[in-house]
Full PDB file with SEQRES, HELIX, SHEET, SSBOND, CRYST1, ORIGX, SCALE, CONECT and MASTER records, all heavy atoms in Angstrom:
SEQRES   1 A   44  HIS GLY GLY ALA ALA TYR TRP GLY VAL GLY ALA ASP GLY          
SEQRES   2 A   44  GLY PRO THR GLY ASP TRP THR ASN TRP ARG THR THR ALA          
SEQRES   3 A   44  PRO SER VAL ALA GLY ARG TRP THR CYS VAL GLU TRP HIS          
SEQRES   4 A   44  MET ASP ALA VAL ASP                                          
SHEET    1 AA1 2 TYR A   6  ALA A  11  0                                        
SHEET    2 AA1 2 TRP A  19  PRO A  27 -1                                        
CRYST1    1.000    1.000    1.000  90.00  90.00  90.00 P 1           1          
ORIGX1      1.000000  0.000000  0.000000        0.00000                         
ORIGX2      0.000000  1.000000  0.000000        0.00000                         
ORIGX3      0.000000  0.000000  1.000000        0.00000                         
SCALE1      1.000000  0.000000  0.000000        0.00000                         
SCALE2      0.000000  1.000000  0.000000        0.00000                         
SCALE3      0.000000  0.000000  1.000000        0.00000                         
ATOM      1  N   HIS A   1       0.807  -1.215   0.000  1.00  0.00           N  
ATOM      2  CA  HIS A   1       0.000   0.000   0.000  1.00  0.00           C  
ATOM      3  C   HIS A   1       0.844   1.271   0.000  1.00  0.00           C  
ATOM      4  O   HIS A   1       0.288   2.361  -0.004  1.00  0.00           O  
ATOM      5  CB  HIS A   1      -0.931   0.000   1.211  1.00  0.00           C  
ATOM      6  CG  HIS A   1      -1.787  -1.212   1.305  1.00  0.00           C  
ATOM      7  ND1 HIS A   1      -2.915  -1.403   0.535  1.00  0.00           N  
ATOM      8  CD2 HIS A   1      -1.657  -2.336   2.078  1.00  0.00           C  
ATOM      9  CE1 HIS A   1      -3.459  -2.567   0.827  1.00  0.00           C  
ATOM     10  NE2 HIS A   1      -2.724  -3.149   1.756  1.00  0.00           N  
ATOM     11  N   GLY A   2       2.150   1.121   0.025  1.00  0.00           N  
ATOM     12  CA  GLY A   2       3.020   2.282   0.005  1.00  0.00           C  
ATOM     13  C   GLY A   2       4.345   2.044   0.707  1.00  0.00           C  
ATOM     14  O   GLY A   2       5.392   2.491   0.265  1.00  0.00           O  
ATOM     15  N   GLY A   3       4.294   1.357   1.851  1.00  0.00           N  
ATOM     16  CA  GLY A   3       5.514   1.037   2.567  1.00  0.00           C  
ATOM     17  C   GLY A   3       6.178   2.232   3.222  1.00  0.00           C  
ATOM     18  O   GLY A   3       7.400   2.262   3.364  1.00  0.00           O  
ATOM     19  N   ALA A   4       5.399   3.228   3.625  1.00  0.00           N  
ATOM     20  CA  ALA A   4       5.951   4.426   4.258  1.00  0.00           C  
ATOM     21  C   ALA A   4       4.858   5.100   5.070  1.00  0.00           C  
ATOM     22  O   ALA A   4       3.701   4.658   5.084  1.00  0.00           O  
ATOM     23  CB  ALA A   4       6.513   5.384   3.211  1.00  0.00           C  
ATOM     24  N   ALA A   5       5.250   6.191   5.758  1.00  0.00           N  
ATOM     25  CA  ALA A   5       4.292   6.995   6.515  1.00  0.00           C  
ATOM     26  C   ALA A   5       3.847   8.172   5.661  1.00  0.00           C  
ATOM     27  O   ALA A   5       4.665   8.800   4.974  1.00  0.00           O  
ATOM     28  CB  ALA A   5       4.923   7.472   7.812  1.00  0.00           C  
ATOM     29  N   TYR A   6       2.559   8.477   5.717  1.00  0.00           N  
ATOM     30  CA  TYR A   6       1.997   9.518   4.860  1.00  0.00           C  
ATOM     31  C   TYR A   6       1.115  10.460   5.671  1.00  0.00           C  
ATOM     32  O   TYR A   6       0.401  10.031   6.585  1.00  0.00           O  
ATOM     33  CB  TYR A   6       1.174   8.888   3.733  1.00  0.00           C  
ATOM     34  CG  TYR A   6       1.962   7.929   2.886  1.00  0.00           C  
ATOM     35  CD1 TYR A   6       1.853   6.551   3.089  1.00  0.00           C  
ATOM     36  CD2 TYR A   6       2.840   8.382   1.911  1.00  0.00           C  
ATOM     37  CE1 TYR A   6       2.592   5.657   2.322  1.00  0.00           C  
ATOM     38  CE2 TYR A   6       3.579   7.500   1.139  1.00  0.00           C  
ATOM     39  CZ  TYR A   6       3.456   6.141   1.358  1.00  0.00           C  
ATOM     40  OH  TYR A   6       4.194   5.254   0.605  1.00  0.00           O  
ATOM     41  N   TRP A   7       1.132  11.756   5.303  1.00  0.00           N  
ATOM     42  CA  TRP A   7       0.278  12.743   5.936  1.00  0.00           C  
ATOM     43  C   TRP A   7      -1.177  12.514   5.551  1.00  0.00           C  
ATOM     44  O   TRP A   7      -1.469  12.018   4.451  1.00  0.00           O  
ATOM     45  CB  TRP A   7       0.660  14.160   5.509  1.00  0.00           C  
ATOM     46  CG  TRP A   7       1.998  14.644   5.965  1.00  0.00           C  
ATOM     47  CD1 TRP A   7       3.037  15.016   5.173  1.00  0.00           C  
ATOM     48  CD2 TRP A   7       2.430  14.845   7.319  1.00  0.00           C  
ATOM     49  NE1 TRP A   7       4.100  15.440   5.940  1.00  0.00           N  
ATOM     50  CE2 TRP A   7       3.752  15.338   7.259  1.00  0.00           C  
ATOM     51  CE3 TRP A   7       1.830  14.658   8.559  1.00  0.00           C  
ATOM     52  CZ2 TRP A   7       4.479  15.645   8.399  1.00  0.00           C  
ATOM     53  CZ3 TRP A   7       2.557  14.956   9.700  1.00  0.00           C  
ATOM     54  CH2 TRP A   7       3.865  15.446   9.616  1.00  0.00           C  
ATOM     55  N   GLY A   8      -2.074  12.923   6.452  1.00  0.00           N  
ATOM     56  CA  GLY A   8      -3.485  12.847   6.143  1.00  0.00           C  
ATOM     57  C   GLY A   8      -4.323  13.611   7.153  1.00  0.00           C  
ATOM     58  O   GLY A   8      -3.887  13.866   8.276  1.00  0.00           O  
ATOM     59  N   VAL A   9      -5.506  13.989   6.746  1.00  0.00           N  
ATOM     60  CA  VAL A   9      -6.509  14.601   7.621  1.00  0.00           C  
ATOM     61  C   VAL A   9      -7.381  13.485   8.176  1.00  0.00           C  
ATOM     62  O   VAL A   9      -7.668  12.509   7.471  1.00  0.00           O  
ATOM     63  CB  VAL A   9      -7.365  15.615   6.832  1.00  0.00           C  
ATOM     64  CG1 VAL A   9      -8.488  16.169   7.700  1.00  0.00           C  
ATOM     65  CG2 VAL A   9      -6.496  16.742   6.288  1.00  0.00           C  
ATOM     66  N   GLY A  10      -7.828  13.629   9.416  1.00  0.00           N  
ATOM     67  CA  GLY A  10      -8.634  12.562   9.990  1.00  0.00           C  
ATOM     68  C   GLY A  10      -9.614  13.044  11.029  1.00  0.00           C  
ATOM     69  O   GLY A  10      -9.708  14.232  11.320  1.00  0.00           O  
ATOM     70  N   ALA A  11     -10.367  12.085  11.581  1.00  0.00           N  
ATOM     71  CA  ALA A  11     -11.345  12.378  12.628  1.00  0.00           C  
ATOM     72  C   ALA A  11     -11.644  11.101  13.391  1.00  0.00           C  
ATOM     73  O   ALA A  11     -11.285   9.995  12.970  1.00  0.00           O  
ATOM     74  CB  ALA A  11     -12.629  12.965  12.031  1.00  0.00           C  
ATOM     75  N   ASP A  12     -12.321  11.260  14.533  1.00  0.00           N  
ATOM     76  CA  ASP A  12     -12.722  10.114  15.345  1.00  0.00           C  
ATOM     77  C   ASP A  12     -13.826  10.588  16.288  1.00  0.00           C  
ATOM     78  O   ASP A  12     -14.019  11.786  16.501  1.00  0.00           O  
ATOM     79  CB  ASP A  12     -11.532   9.578  16.138  1.00  0.00           C  
ATOM     80  CG  ASP A  12     -11.774   8.185  16.702  1.00  0.00           C  
ATOM     81  OD1 ASP A  12     -12.821   7.579  16.381  1.00  0.00           O  
ATOM     82  OD2 ASP A  12     -10.923   7.698  17.474  1.00  0.00           O  
ATOM     83  N   GLY A  13     -14.564   9.637  16.814  1.00  0.00           N  
ATOM     84  CA  GLY A  13     -15.514   9.923  17.867  1.00  0.00           C  
ATOM     85  C   GLY A  13     -16.888  10.369  17.426  1.00  0.00           C  
ATOM     86  O   GLY A  13     -17.804  10.477  18.249  1.00  0.00           O  
ATOM     87  N   GLY A  14     -17.067  10.646  16.141  1.00  0.00           N  
ATOM     88  CA  GLY A  14     -18.360  11.106  15.652  1.00  0.00           C  
ATOM     89  C   GLY A  14     -18.997  10.111  14.711  1.00  0.00           C  
ATOM     90  O   GLY A  14     -18.518   8.977  14.550  1.00  0.00           O  
ATOM     91  N   PRO A  15     -20.062  10.501  14.035  1.00  0.00           N  
ATOM     92  CA  PRO A  15     -20.763   9.600  13.125  1.00  0.00           C  
ATOM     93  C   PRO A  15     -19.891   9.074  11.990  1.00  0.00           C  
ATOM     94  O   PRO A  15     -20.143   7.972  11.489  1.00  0.00           O  
ATOM     95  CB  PRO A  15     -21.907  10.470  12.581  1.00  0.00           C  
ATOM     96  CG  PRO A  15     -22.113  11.520  13.615  1.00  0.00           C  
ATOM     97  CD  PRO A  15     -20.764  11.799  14.180  1.00  0.00           C  
ATOM     98  N   THR A  16     -18.889   9.843  11.569  1.00  0.00           N  
ATOM     99  CA  THR A  16     -18.045   9.385  10.456  1.00  0.00           C  
ATOM    100  C   THR A  16     -17.054   8.316  10.880  1.00  0.00           C  
ATOM    101  O   THR A  16     -16.422   7.690  10.025  1.00  0.00           O  
ATOM    102  CB  THR A  16     -17.282  10.564   9.829  1.00  0.00           C  
ATOM    103  OG1 THR A  16     -16.481  11.203  10.838  1.00  0.00           O  
ATOM    104  CG2 THR A  16     -18.237  11.559   9.208  1.00  0.00           C  
ATOM    105  N   GLY A  17     -16.874   8.094  12.182  1.00  0.00           N  
ATOM    106  CA  GLY A  17     -15.998   7.033  12.651  1.00  0.00           C  
ATOM    107  C   GLY A  17     -14.547   7.458  12.747  1.00  0.00           C  
ATOM    108  O   GLY A  17     -14.209   8.638  12.754  1.00  0.00           O  
ATOM    109  N   ASP A  18     -13.661   6.469  12.807  1.00  0.00           N  
ATOM    110  CA  ASP A  18     -12.220   6.673  12.950  1.00  0.00           C  
ATOM    111  C   ASP A  18     -11.576   6.520  11.577  1.00  0.00           C  
ATOM    112  O   ASP A  18     -11.551   5.425  11.018  1.00  0.00           O  
ATOM    113  CB  ASP A  18     -11.657   5.648  13.934  1.00  0.00           C  
ATOM    114  CG  ASP A  18     -10.169   5.833  14.198  1.00  0.00           C  
ATOM    115  OD1 ASP A  18      -9.593   6.807  13.687  1.00  0.00           O  
ATOM    116  OD2 ASP A  18      -9.582   4.991  14.905  1.00  0.00           O  
ATOM    117  N   TRP A  19     -11.043   7.616  11.021  1.00  0.00           N  
ATOM    118  CA  TRP A  19     -10.486   7.568   9.669  1.00  0.00           C  
ATOM    119  C   TRP A  19      -9.362   8.578   9.511  1.00  0.00           C  
ATOM    120  O   TRP A  19      -9.281   9.563  10.246  1.00  0.00           O  
ATOM    121  CB  TRP A  19     -11.570   7.829   8.617  1.00  0.00           C  
ATOM    122  CG  TRP A  19     -12.356   9.093   8.841  1.00  0.00           C  
ATOM    123  CD1 TRP A  19     -13.493   9.225   9.583  1.00  0.00           C  
ATOM    124  CD2 TRP A  19     -12.069  10.393   8.314  1.00  0.00           C  
ATOM    125  NE1 TRP A  19     -13.933  10.525   9.553  1.00  0.00           N  
ATOM    126  CE2 TRP A  19     -13.091  11.263   8.784  1.00  0.00           C  
ATOM    127  CE3 TRP A  19     -11.073  10.906   7.486  1.00  0.00           C  
ATOM    128  CZ2 TRP A  19     -13.121  12.620   8.460  1.00  0.00           C  
ATOM    129  CZ3 TRP A  19     -11.110  12.256   7.160  1.00  0.00           C  
ATOM    130  CH2 TRP A  19     -12.111  13.093   7.645  1.00  0.00           C  
ATOM    131  N   THR A  20      -8.477   8.301   8.548  1.00  0.00           N  
ATOM    132  CA  THR A  20      -7.404   9.220   8.162  1.00  0.00           C  
ATOM    133  C   THR A  20      -7.319   9.226   6.642  1.00  0.00           C  
ATOM    134  O   THR A  20      -7.108   8.185   6.021  1.00  0.00           O  
ATOM    135  CB  THR A  20      -6.047   8.789   8.743  1.00  0.00           C  
ATOM    136  OG1 THR A  20      -6.157   8.714  10.169  1.00  0.00           O  
ATOM    137  CG2 THR A  20      -4.954   9.798   8.382  1.00  0.00           C  
ATOM    138  N   ASN A  21      -7.481  10.379   6.062  1.00  0.00           N  
ATOM    139  CA  ASN A  21      -7.497  10.525   4.605  1.00  0.00           C  
ATOM    140  C   ASN A  21      -6.064  10.748   4.094  1.00  0.00           C  
ATOM    141  O   ASN A  21      -5.737  11.794   3.564  1.00  0.00           O  
ATOM    142  CB  ASN A  21      -8.396  11.708   4.223  1.00  0.00           C  
ATOM    143  CG  ASN A  21      -8.659  11.801   2.736  1.00  0.00           C  
ATOM    144  OD1 ASN A  21      -9.126  10.853   2.131  1.00  0.00           O  
ATOM    145  ND2 ASN A  21      -8.357  12.944   2.146  1.00  0.00           N  
ATOM    146  N   TRP A  22      -5.186   9.728   4.246  1.00  0.00           N  
ATOM    147  CA  TRP A  22      -3.790   9.856   3.830  1.00  0.00           C  
ATOM    148  C   TRP A  22      -3.645   9.590   2.334  1.00  0.00           C  
ATOM    149  O   TRP A  22      -4.484   8.940   1.714  1.00  0.00           O  
ATOM    150  CB  TRP A  22      -2.899   8.905   4.634  1.00  0.00           C  
ATOM    151  CG  TRP A  22      -3.269   7.453   4.542  1.00  0.00           C  
ATOM    152  CD1 TRP A  22      -4.118   6.761   5.355  1.00  0.00           C  
ATOM    153  CD2 TRP A  22      -2.822   6.519   3.546  1.00  0.00           C  
ATOM    154  NE1 TRP A  22      -4.226   5.444   4.938  1.00  0.00           N  
ATOM    155  CE2 TRP A  22      -3.433   5.275   3.836  1.00  0.00           C  
ATOM    156  CE3 TRP A  22      -1.963   6.601   2.454  1.00  0.00           C  
ATOM    157  CZ2 TRP A  22      -3.205   4.129   3.069  1.00  0.00           C  
ATOM    158  CZ3 TRP A  22      -1.735   5.465   1.685  1.00  0.00           C  
ATOM    159  CH2 TRP A  22      -2.348   4.249   1.999  1.00  0.00           C  
ATOM    160  N   ARG A  23      -2.550  10.108   1.782  1.00  0.00           N  
ATOM    161  CA  ARG A  23      -2.262   9.921   0.362  1.00  0.00           C  
ATOM    162  C   ARG A  23      -0.765   9.675   0.177  1.00  0.00           C  
ATOM    163  O   ARG A  23       0.068  10.300   0.842  1.00  0.00           O  
ATOM    164  CB  ARG A  23      -2.670  11.152  -0.461  1.00  0.00           C  
ATOM    165  CG  ARG A  23      -4.180  11.388  -0.521  1.00  0.00           C  
ATOM    166  CD  ARG A  23      -4.868  10.329  -1.373  1.00  0.00           C  
ATOM    167  NE  ARG A  23      -6.312  10.568  -1.511  1.00  0.00           N  
ATOM    168  CZ  ARG A  23      -7.229  10.096  -0.699  1.00  0.00           C  
ATOM    169  NH1 ARG A  23      -6.871   9.338   0.344  1.00  0.00           N  
ATOM    170  NH2 ARG A  23      -8.502  10.348  -0.897  1.00  0.00           N  
ATOM    171  N   THR A  24      -0.412   8.778  -0.738  1.00  0.00           N  
ATOM    172  CA  THR A  24       0.998   8.468  -0.986  1.00  0.00           C  
ATOM    173  C   THR A  24       1.735   9.645  -1.624  1.00  0.00           C  
ATOM    174  O   THR A  24       2.970   9.656  -1.662  1.00  0.00           O  
ATOM    175  CB  THR A  24       1.141   7.229  -1.889  1.00  0.00           C  
ATOM    176  OG1 THR A  24       0.428   7.460  -3.114  1.00  0.00           O  
ATOM    177  CG2 THR A  24       0.586   5.988  -1.204  1.00  0.00           C  
ATOM    178  N   THR A  25       1.016  10.627  -2.126  1.00  0.00           N  
ATOM    179  CA  THR A  25       1.635  11.831  -2.693  1.00  0.00           C  
ATOM    180  C   THR A  25       2.051  12.823  -1.609  1.00  0.00           C  
ATOM    181  O   THR A  25       2.600  13.883  -1.919  1.00  0.00           O  
ATOM    182  CB  THR A  25       0.676  12.529  -3.662  1.00  0.00           C  
ATOM    183  OG1 THR A  25      -0.566  12.781  -2.978  1.00  0.00           O  
ATOM    184  CG2 THR A  25       0.431  11.658  -4.883  1.00  0.00           C  
ATOM    185  N   ALA A  26       1.795  12.479  -0.341  1.00  0.00           N  
ATOM    186  CA  ALA A  26       2.151  13.366   0.768  1.00  0.00           C  
ATOM    187  C   ALA A  26       2.917  12.586   1.832  1.00  0.00           C  
ATOM    188  O   ALA A  26       2.399  12.339   2.933  1.00  0.00           O  
ATOM    189  CB  ALA A  26       0.890  14.000   1.359  1.00  0.00           C  
ATOM    190  N   PRO A  27       4.149  12.158   1.549  1.00  0.00           N  
ATOM    191  CA  PRO A  27       4.920  11.392   2.521  1.00  0.00           C  
ATOM    192  C   PRO A  27       5.316  12.233   3.726  1.00  0.00           C  
ATOM    193  O   PRO A  27       5.639  13.416   3.595  1.00  0.00           O  
ATOM    194  CB  PRO A  27       6.149  10.948   1.726  1.00  0.00           C  
ATOM    195  CG  PRO A  27       6.287  11.978   0.648  1.00  0.00           C  
ATOM    196  CD  PRO A  27       4.895  12.383   0.287  1.00  0.00           C  
ATOM    197  N   SER A  28       5.285  11.626   4.896  1.00  0.00           N  
ATOM    198  CA  SER A  28       5.786  12.267   6.110  1.00  0.00           C  
ATOM    199  C   SER A  28       7.299  12.048   6.152  1.00  0.00           C  
ATOM    200  O   SER A  28       7.759  10.929   6.385  1.00  0.00           O  
ATOM    201  CB  SER A  28       5.133  11.653   7.349  1.00  0.00           C  
ATOM    202  OG  SER A  28       3.739  11.875   7.364  1.00  0.00           O  
ATOM    203  N   VAL A  29       8.049  13.100   5.913  1.00  0.00           N  
ATOM    204  CA  VAL A  29       9.508  12.999   5.807  1.00  0.00           C  
ATOM    205  C   VAL A  29      10.143  13.453   7.108  1.00  0.00           C  
ATOM    206  O   VAL A  29       9.910  14.583   7.564  1.00  0.00           O  
ATOM    207  CB  VAL A  29      10.033  13.833   4.628  1.00  0.00           C  
ATOM    208  CG1 VAL A  29      11.546  13.732   4.536  1.00  0.00           C  
ATOM    209  CG2 VAL A  29       9.369  13.382   3.329  1.00  0.00           C  
ATOM    210  N   ALA A  30      10.944  12.584   7.716  1.00  0.00           N  
ATOM    211  CA  ALA A  30      11.614  12.895   8.975  1.00  0.00           C  
ATOM    212  C   ALA A  30      12.921  13.646   8.727  1.00  0.00           C  
ATOM    213  O   ALA A  30      13.488  13.614   7.630  1.00  0.00           O  
ATOM    214  CB  ALA A  30      11.891  11.614   9.748  1.00  0.00           C  
ATOM    215  N   GLY A  31      13.380  14.341   9.766  1.00  0.00           N  
ATOM    216  CA  GLY A  31      14.722  14.910   9.751  1.00  0.00           C  
ATOM    217  C   GLY A  31      14.868  16.279   9.135  1.00  0.00           C  
ATOM    218  O   GLY A  31      15.986  16.800   9.066  1.00  0.00           O  
ATOM    219  N   ARG A  32      13.793  16.912   8.706  1.00  0.00           N  
ATOM    220  CA  ARG A  32      13.905  18.256   8.134  1.00  0.00           C  
ATOM    221  C   ARG A  32      12.726  19.113   8.567  1.00  0.00           C  
ATOM    222  O   ARG A  32      11.636  18.612   8.847  1.00  0.00           O  
ATOM    223  CB  ARG A  32      13.980  18.212   6.614  1.00  0.00           C  
ATOM    224  CG  ARG A  32      12.730  17.725   5.905  1.00  0.00           C  
ATOM    225  CD  ARG A  32      12.904  17.812   4.399  1.00  0.00           C  
ATOM    226  NE  ARG A  32      11.746  17.373   3.639  1.00  0.00           N  
ATOM    227  CZ  ARG A  32      10.693  18.133   3.351  1.00  0.00           C  
ATOM    228  NH1 ARG A  32      10.648  19.382   3.782  1.00  0.00           N  
ATOM    229  NH2 ARG A  32       9.696  17.654   2.637  1.00  0.00           N  
ATOM    230  N   TRP A  33      12.955  20.420   8.638  1.00  0.00           N  
ATOM    231  CA  TRP A  33      11.901  21.347   9.016  1.00  0.00           C  
ATOM    232  C   TRP A  33      10.895  21.520   7.870  1.00  0.00           C  
ATOM    233  O   TRP A  33      11.284  21.652   6.714  1.00  0.00           O  
ATOM    234  CB  TRP A  33      12.489  22.701   9.384  1.00  0.00           C  
ATOM    235  CG  TRP A  33      13.111  22.706  10.744  1.00  0.00           C  
ATOM    236  CD1 TRP A  33      14.422  22.530  11.043  1.00  0.00           C  
ATOM    237  CD2 TRP A  33      12.423  22.882  11.989  1.00  0.00           C  
ATOM    238  NE1 TRP A  33      14.602  22.576  12.405  1.00  0.00           N  
ATOM    239  CE2 TRP A  33      13.395  22.795  13.010  1.00  0.00           C  
ATOM    240  CE3 TRP A  33      11.097  23.104  12.331  1.00  0.00           C  
ATOM    241  CZ2 TRP A  33      13.073  22.920  14.365  1.00  0.00           C  
ATOM    242  CZ3 TRP A  33      10.766  23.235  13.679  1.00  0.00           C  
ATOM    243  CH2 TRP A  33      11.751  23.141  14.676  1.00  0.00           C  
ATOM    244  N   THR A  34       9.634  21.503   8.232  1.00  0.00           N  
ATOM    245  CA  THR A  34       8.548  21.692   7.280  1.00  0.00           C  
ATOM    246  C   THR A  34       7.570  22.706   7.852  1.00  0.00           C  
ATOM    247  O   THR A  34       7.240  22.653   9.043  1.00  0.00           O  
ATOM    248  CB  THR A  34       7.806  20.367   7.015  1.00  0.00           C  
ATOM    249  OG1 THR A  34       8.724  19.395   6.525  1.00  0.00           O  
ATOM    250  CG2 THR A  34       6.683  20.564   6.000  1.00  0.00           C  
ATOM    251  N   CYS A  35       7.120  23.627   7.035  1.00  0.00           N  
ATOM    252  CA  CYS A  35       6.089  24.571   7.441  1.00  0.00           C  
ATOM    253  C   CYS A  35       4.747  24.027   6.969  1.00  0.00           C  
ATOM    254  O   CYS A  35       4.536  23.836   5.764  1.00  0.00           O  
ATOM    255  CB  CYS A  35       6.349  25.948   6.838  1.00  0.00           C  
ATOM    256  SG  CYS A  35       5.044  27.156   7.215  1.00  0.00           S  
ATOM    257  N   VAL A  36       3.851  23.765   7.907  1.00  0.00           N  
ATOM    258  CA  VAL A  36       2.543  23.201   7.588  1.00  0.00           C  
ATOM    259  C   VAL A  36       1.462  24.229   7.918  1.00  0.00           C  
ATOM    260  O   VAL A  36       1.455  24.812   9.006  1.00  0.00           O  
ATOM    261  CB  VAL A  36       2.278  21.899   8.372  1.00  0.00           C  
ATOM    262  CG1 VAL A  36       0.931  21.298   7.955  1.00  0.00           C  
ATOM    263  CG2 VAL A  36       3.401  20.895   8.164  1.00  0.00           C  
ATOM    264  N   GLU A  37       0.558  24.450   6.973  1.00  0.00           N  
ATOM    265  CA  GLU A  37      -0.602  25.320   7.179  1.00  0.00           C  
ATOM    266  C   GLU A  37      -1.871  24.510   6.955  1.00  0.00           C  
ATOM    267  O   GLU A  37      -1.887  23.588   6.139  1.00  0.00           O  
ATOM    268  CB  GLU A  37      -0.591  26.479   6.194  1.00  0.00           C  
ATOM    269  CG  GLU A  37       0.629  27.386   6.256  1.00  0.00           C  
ATOM    270  CD  GLU A  37       0.604  28.367   5.095  1.00  0.00           C  
ATOM    271  OE1 GLU A  37      -0.048  29.428   5.230  1.00  0.00           O  
ATOM    272  OE2 GLU A  37       1.210  28.045   4.050  1.00  0.00           O  
ATOM    273  N   TRP A  38      -2.922  24.895   7.665  1.00  0.00           N  
ATOM    274  CA  TRP A  38      -4.217  24.263   7.431  1.00  0.00           C  
ATOM    275  C   TRP A  38      -5.331  25.293   7.571  1.00  0.00           C  
ATOM    276  O   TRP A  38      -5.167  26.335   8.208  1.00  0.00           O  
ATOM    277  CB  TRP A  38      -4.442  23.087   8.378  1.00  0.00           C  
ATOM    278  CG  TRP A  38      -4.620  23.459   9.831  1.00  0.00           C  
ATOM    279  CD1 TRP A  38      -5.794  23.662  10.485  1.00  0.00           C  
ATOM    280  CD2 TRP A  38      -3.588  23.668  10.798  1.00  0.00           C  
ATOM    281  NE1 TRP A  38      -5.559  23.977  11.796  1.00  0.00           N  
ATOM    282  CE2 TRP A  38      -4.231  23.985  12.021  1.00  0.00           C  
ATOM    283  CE3 TRP A  38      -2.197  23.588  10.751  1.00  0.00           C  
ATOM    284  CZ2 TRP A  38      -3.505  24.240  13.183  1.00  0.00           C  
ATOM    285  CZ3 TRP A  38      -1.480  23.863  11.916  1.00  0.00           C  
ATOM    286  CH2 TRP A  38      -2.120  24.179  13.113  1.00  0.00           C  
ATOM    287  N   HIS A  39      -6.456  25.000   6.949  1.00  0.00           N  
ATOM    288  CA  HIS A  39      -7.623  25.874   7.010  1.00  0.00           C  
ATOM    289  C   HIS A  39      -8.838  25.049   7.364  1.00  0.00           C  
ATOM    290  O   HIS A  39      -9.135  24.050   6.704  1.00  0.00           O  
ATOM    291  CB  HIS A  39      -7.851  26.566   5.661  1.00  0.00           C  
ATOM    292  CG  HIS A  39      -8.987  27.533   5.668  1.00  0.00           C  
ATOM    293  ND1 HIS A  39      -9.724  27.842   4.535  1.00  0.00           N  
ATOM    294  CD2 HIS A  39      -9.540  28.276   6.680  1.00  0.00           C  
ATOM    295  CE1 HIS A  39     -10.661  28.734   4.853  1.00  0.00           C  
ATOM    296  NE2 HIS A  39     -10.577  29.007   6.135  1.00  0.00           N  
ATOM    297  N   MET A  40      -9.538  25.457   8.410  1.00  0.00           N  
ATOM    298  CA  MET A  40     -10.797  24.840   8.810  1.00  0.00           C  
ATOM    299  C   MET A  40     -11.911  25.779   8.363  1.00  0.00           C  
ATOM    300  O   MET A  40     -12.064  26.879   8.919  1.00  0.00           O  
ATOM    301  CB  MET A  40     -10.843  24.654  10.323  1.00  0.00           C  
ATOM    302  CG  MET A  40      -9.540  24.158  10.941  1.00  0.00           C  
ATOM    303  SD  MET A  40      -9.281  22.406  10.706  1.00  0.00           S  
ATOM    304  CE  MET A  40     -10.249  21.741  12.056  1.00  0.00           C  
ATOM    305  N   ASP A  41     -12.679  25.388   7.368  1.00  0.00           N  
ATOM    306  CA  ASP A  41     -13.727  26.231   6.802  1.00  0.00           C  
ATOM    307  C   ASP A  41     -15.088  25.630   7.140  1.00  0.00           C  
ATOM    308  O   ASP A  41     -15.490  24.610   6.576  1.00  0.00           O  
ATOM    309  CB  ASP A  41     -13.554  26.345   5.293  1.00  0.00           C  
ATOM    310  CG  ASP A  41     -14.507  27.333   4.656  1.00  0.00           C  
ATOM    311  OD1 ASP A  41     -15.420  27.828   5.359  1.00  0.00           O  
ATOM    312  OD2 ASP A  41     -14.360  27.608   3.457  1.00  0.00           O  
ATOM    313  N   ALA A  42     -15.801  26.276   8.074  1.00  0.00           N  
ATOM    314  CA  ALA A  42     -17.055  25.725   8.562  1.00  0.00           C  
ATOM    315  C   ALA A  42     -18.186  25.792   7.538  1.00  0.00           C  
ATOM    316  O   ALA A  42     -19.218  25.129   7.717  1.00  0.00           O  
ATOM    317  CB  ALA A  42     -17.482  26.447   9.838  1.00  0.00           C  
ATOM    318  N   VAL A  43     -18.021  26.567   6.461  1.00  0.00           N  
ATOM    319  CA  VAL A  43     -19.090  26.695   5.466  1.00  0.00           C  
ATOM    320  C   VAL A  43     -19.470  25.332   4.902  1.00  0.00           C  
ATOM    321  O   VAL A  43     -20.652  25.007   4.756  1.00  0.00           O  
ATOM    322  CB  VAL A  43     -18.671  27.655   4.339  1.00  0.00           C  
ATOM    323  CG1 VAL A  43     -19.695  27.640   3.207  1.00  0.00           C  
ATOM    324  CG2 VAL A  43     -18.515  29.071   4.879  1.00  0.00           C  
ATOM    325  N   ASP A  44     -18.446  24.512   4.576  1.00  0.00           N  
ATOM    326  CA  ASP A  44     -18.731  23.159   4.094  1.00  0.00           C  
ATOM    327  C   ASP A  44     -17.873  22.121   4.822  1.00  0.00           C  
ATOM    328  O   ASP A  44     -17.575  21.065   4.284  1.00  0.00           O  
ATOM    329  CB  ASP A  44     -18.538  23.050   2.578  1.00  0.00           C  
ATOM    330  CG  ASP A  44     -17.126  23.380   2.137  1.00  0.00           C  
ATOM    331  OD1 ASP A  44     -16.320  23.840   2.993  1.00  0.00           O  
ATOM    332  OD2 ASP A  44     -16.809  23.180   0.960  1.00  0.00           O  
TER     333      ASP A  44                                                      
MASTER        0    0    0    0    2    0    0    6  332    1    0    4          
END                                                                             
């Protein structure tokens, strides 16, 4: 399925269950600084 660790958005505890929307195009790379931004948009 990839053989590595990958970033993803996820949730738990609600009706949608326990899930992580990871993708192999977003590997979690150790050992270097990364600037991560996120946006929570309540409209949708």
